[in-house]
């Protein structure tokens, strides 16, 4: 599988991570999976901390949903 996997450069992955948004009509679970795939594609030594990811994750939703996610004050992405 690795030999056929599409390789992305670090700049492309980082840009995708900072701009990731939930698509119109996309299920929340699908967005969560997509967010985690992009987050985990970043090299370990350059990957933002889990706490930083927790701050970035809600930004992918509309403002009302992002507010509700932040109001809960979760401690982990899984909890959010």
N, C-alpha and C. Protein backbone atom coordinates (compact mmCIF):
# COMPACT_ATOMS: atom_id res chain seq x y z
N UNK A 1 0.82 -1.20 0.00
CA UNK A 1 0.00 0.00 0.00
C UNK A 1 0.87 1.26 0.00
N UNK A 2 1.98 1.26 0.74
CA UNK A 2 2.79 2.46 0.84
C UNK A 2 3.36 2.88 -0.50
N UNK A 3 3.69 1.92 -1.38
CA UNK A 3 4.28 2.30 -2.65
C UNK A 3 3.26 2.97 -3.57
N UNK A 4 1.98 2.72 -3.37
CA UNK A 4 0.95 3.32 -4.21
C UNK A 4 0.30 4.54 -3.56
N UNK A 5 0.63 4.77 -2.32
CA UNK A 5 0.05 5.89 -1.59
C UNK A 5 0.48 7.21 -2.22
N UNK A 6 -0.45 8.15 -2.31
CA UNK A 6 -0.13 9.47 -2.84
C UNK A 6 0.67 10.22 -1.79
N UNK A 7 1.84 10.66 -2.16
CA UNK A 7 2.70 11.38 -1.22
C UNK A 7 2.46 12.88 -1.35
N UNK A 8 2.37 13.55 -0.23
CA UNK A 8 2.20 15.00 -0.21
C UNK A 8 3.42 15.58 0.49
N UNK A 9 3.82 16.75 0.06
CA UNK A 9 4.95 17.37 0.73
C UNK A 9 4.50 18.03 2.02
N UNK A 10 5.46 18.32 2.87
CA UNK A 10 5.18 18.87 4.19
C UNK A 10 4.43 20.19 4.12
N UNK A 11 4.80 21.05 3.20
CA UNK A 11 4.14 22.35 3.07
C UNK A 11 2.67 22.17 2.69
N UNK A 12 2.38 21.23 1.81
CA UNK A 12 1.00 20.97 1.39
C UNK A 12 0.18 20.43 2.55
N UNK A 13 0.73 19.51 3.31
CA UNK A 13 0.02 18.93 4.45
C UNK A 13 -0.24 20.00 5.52
N UNK A 14 0.77 20.80 5.81
CA UNK A 14 0.63 21.85 6.82
C UNK A 14 -0.43 22.87 6.39
N UNK A 15 -0.41 23.23 5.13
CA UNK A 15 -1.40 24.17 4.61
C UNK A 15 -2.81 23.58 4.71
N UNK A 16 -2.94 22.31 4.37
CA UNK A 16 -4.23 21.64 4.45
C UNK A 16 -4.73 21.61 5.90
N UNK A 17 -3.82 21.37 6.85
CA UNK A 17 -4.19 21.32 8.26
C UNK A 17 -4.71 22.68 8.75
N UNK A 18 -4.05 23.75 8.35
CA UNK A 18 -4.45 25.07 8.84
C UNK A 18 -5.74 25.57 8.21
N UNK A 19 -6.10 25.00 7.03
CA UNK A 19 -7.28 25.48 6.31
C UNK A 19 -8.45 24.49 6.33
N UNK A 20 -8.31 23.38 7.03
CA UNK A 20 -9.34 22.33 6.97
C UNK A 20 -10.68 22.83 7.51
N UNK A 21 -11.71 22.59 6.74
CA UNK A 21 -13.08 22.99 7.10
C UNK A 21 -14.03 21.84 6.78
N UNK A 22 -15.12 21.79 7.50
CA UNK A 22 -16.16 20.80 7.22
C UNK A 22 -16.91 21.24 5.97
N UNK A 23 -17.04 20.33 5.01
CA UNK A 23 -17.74 20.62 3.75
C UNK A 23 -19.24 20.65 3.97
N UNK A 24 -19.94 21.39 3.12
CA UNK A 24 -21.41 21.43 3.18
C UNK A 24 -21.96 20.02 3.01
N UNK A 25 -22.83 19.61 3.92
CA UNK A 25 -23.45 18.30 3.85
C UNK A 25 -22.57 17.16 4.33
N UNK A 26 -21.35 17.46 4.76
CA UNK A 26 -20.44 16.41 5.24
C UNK A 26 -20.85 16.00 6.65
N UNK A 27 -20.90 14.70 6.89
CA UNK A 27 -21.21 14.21 8.23
C UNK A 27 -20.09 14.60 9.18
N UNK A 28 -20.44 14.87 10.43
CA UNK A 28 -19.45 15.25 11.44
C UNK A 28 -18.39 14.16 11.57
N UNK A 29 -18.81 12.91 11.57
CA UNK A 29 -17.86 11.80 11.70
C UNK A 29 -16.86 11.79 10.53
N UNK A 30 -17.33 12.09 9.33
CA UNK A 30 -16.44 12.13 8.17
C UNK A 30 -15.42 13.27 8.30
N UNK A 31 -15.88 14.41 8.82
CA UNK A 31 -14.96 15.52 9.05
C UNK A 31 -13.91 15.13 10.10
N UNK A 32 -14.35 14.47 11.16
CA UNK A 32 -13.42 14.04 12.22
C UNK A 32 -12.35 13.12 11.65
N UNK A 33 -12.77 12.18 10.82
CA UNK A 33 -11.82 11.25 10.21
C UNK A 33 -10.84 12.02 9.32
N UNK A 34 -11.36 12.92 8.50
CA UNK A 34 -10.51 13.69 7.60
C UNK A 34 -9.53 14.57 8.39
N UNK A 35 -10.01 15.19 9.47
CA UNK A 35 -9.14 16.01 10.32
C UNK A 35 -8.00 15.16 10.89
N UNK A 36 -8.34 13.98 11.41
CA UNK A 36 -7.32 13.11 12.00
C UNK A 36 -6.33 12.61 10.97
N UNK A 37 -6.79 12.31 9.76
CA UNK A 37 -5.88 11.85 8.70
C UNK A 37 -4.86 12.94 8.38
N UNK A 38 -5.33 14.17 8.24
CA UNK A 38 -4.43 15.29 7.94
C UNK A 38 -3.49 15.53 9.12
N UNK A 39 -4.02 15.56 10.32
CA UNK A 39 -3.21 15.79 11.53
C UNK A 39 -2.12 14.73 11.66
N UNK A 40 -2.48 13.48 11.47
CA UNK A 40 -1.51 12.39 11.62
C UNK A 40 -0.53 12.30 10.46
N UNK A 41 -0.81 12.97 9.34
CA UNK A 41 0.11 12.98 8.20
C UNK A 41 1.29 13.93 8.43
N UNK A 42 1.16 14.82 9.39
CA UNK A 42 2.25 15.74 9.70
C UNK A 42 3.33 14.96 10.44
N UNK A 43 4.59 15.20 10.07
CA UNK A 43 5.70 14.51 10.71
C UNK A 43 5.66 14.71 12.23
N UNK A 44 6.05 13.67 12.96
CA UNK A 44 5.97 13.71 14.42
C UNK A 44 6.65 14.92 15.04
N UNK A 45 7.85 15.24 14.57
CA UNK A 45 8.59 16.34 15.20
C UNK A 45 8.06 17.72 14.80
N UNK A 46 7.16 17.78 13.81
CA UNK A 46 6.57 19.05 13.39
C UNK A 46 5.08 19.15 13.69
N UNK A 47 4.50 18.05 14.12
CA UNK A 47 3.06 18.00 14.38
C UNK A 47 2.70 18.87 15.58
N UNK A 48 1.64 19.66 15.46
CA UNK A 48 1.18 20.45 16.61
C UNK A 48 0.80 19.51 17.77
N UNK A 49 0.87 20.02 18.95
CA UNK A 49 0.51 19.21 20.11
C UNK A 49 -0.97 18.85 20.04
N UNK A 50 -1.38 17.84 20.81
CA UNK A 50 -2.79 17.46 20.86
C UNK A 50 -3.64 18.63 21.37
N UNK A 51 -3.09 19.39 22.29
CA UNK A 51 -3.81 20.55 22.84
C UNK A 51 -4.01 21.61 21.76
N UNK A 52 -3.00 21.81 20.94
CA UNK A 52 -3.11 22.75 19.83
C UNK A 52 -4.14 22.27 18.81
N UNK A 53 -4.16 20.97 18.55
CA UNK A 53 -5.16 20.40 17.64
C UNK A 53 -6.56 20.59 18.21
N UNK A 54 -6.67 20.49 19.51
CA UNK A 54 -7.96 20.69 20.18
C UNK A 54 -8.47 22.12 19.95
N UNK A 55 -7.56 23.07 19.89
CA UNK A 55 -7.94 24.46 19.64
C UNK A 55 -8.28 24.68 18.17
N UNK A 56 -7.62 23.97 17.27
CA UNK A 56 -7.82 24.14 15.83
C UNK A 56 -9.06 23.40 15.30
N UNK A 57 -9.39 22.26 15.89
CA UNK A 57 -10.47 21.40 15.40
C UNK A 57 -11.81 22.12 15.23
N UNK A 58 -12.30 22.87 16.22
CA UNK A 58 -13.62 23.52 16.08
C UNK A 58 -13.68 24.55 14.96
N UNK A 59 -12.54 25.10 14.56
CA UNK A 59 -12.53 26.12 13.51
C UNK A 59 -13.03 25.58 12.17
N UNK A 60 -13.07 24.28 12.03
CA UNK A 60 -13.55 23.67 10.80
C UNK A 60 -15.07 23.68 10.68
N UNK A 61 -15.75 24.02 11.75
CA UNK A 61 -17.22 24.04 11.77
C UNK A 61 -17.73 25.47 11.61
N UNK A 62 -19.04 25.58 11.42
CA UNK A 62 -19.63 26.91 11.39
C UNK A 62 -19.50 27.54 12.78
N UNK A 63 -19.60 28.87 12.88
CA UNK A 63 -19.36 29.55 14.16
C UNK A 63 -20.22 29.04 15.33
N UNK A 64 -21.48 28.72 15.08
CA UNK A 64 -22.35 28.26 16.17
C UNK A 64 -21.87 26.92 16.73
N UNK A 65 -21.54 25.99 15.82
CA UNK A 65 -21.07 24.67 16.25
C UNK A 65 -19.71 24.80 16.94
N UNK A 66 -18.83 25.64 16.42
CA UNK A 66 -17.52 25.84 17.04
C UNK A 66 -17.68 26.38 18.46
N UNK A 67 -18.60 27.31 18.64
CA UNK A 67 -18.86 27.87 19.98
C UNK A 67 -19.34 26.79 20.94
N UNK A 68 -20.26 25.95 20.48
CA UNK A 68 -20.78 24.88 21.32
C UNK A 68 -19.69 23.89 21.71
N UNK A 69 -18.81 23.57 20.77
CA UNK A 69 -17.72 22.64 21.07
C UNK A 69 -16.77 23.24 22.10
N UNK A 70 -16.49 24.52 21.98
CA UNK A 70 -15.57 25.16 22.92
C UNK A 70 -16.20 25.36 24.29
N UNK A 71 -17.51 25.57 24.34
CA UNK A 71 -18.22 25.78 25.61
C UNK A 71 -18.11 24.56 26.52
N UNK A 72 -18.05 23.39 25.93
CA UNK A 72 -17.96 22.16 26.73
C UNK A 72 -16.63 22.03 27.44
N UNK A 73 -15.63 22.75 26.96
CA UNK A 73 -14.28 22.74 27.55
C UNK A 73 -13.73 21.32 27.68
N UNK A 74 -13.71 20.56 26.57
CA UNK A 74 -13.20 19.19 26.63
C UNK A 74 -11.68 19.18 26.81
N UNK A 75 -11.14 18.09 27.33
CA UNK A 75 -9.71 17.99 27.55
C UNK A 75 -8.99 17.22 26.45
N UNK A 76 -9.77 16.48 25.62
CA UNK A 76 -9.15 15.72 24.52
C UNK A 76 -9.99 15.87 23.26
N UNK A 77 -9.36 15.59 22.11
CA UNK A 77 -10.10 15.61 20.84
C UNK A 77 -11.21 14.57 20.84
N UNK A 78 -10.91 13.42 21.41
CA UNK A 78 -11.90 12.34 21.45
C UNK A 78 -13.14 12.77 22.25
N UNK A 79 -12.91 13.48 23.33
CA UNK A 79 -14.00 13.96 24.17
C UNK A 79 -14.82 15.03 23.44
N UNK A 80 -14.11 15.87 22.68
CA UNK A 80 -14.80 16.93 21.94
C UNK A 80 -15.72 16.31 20.91
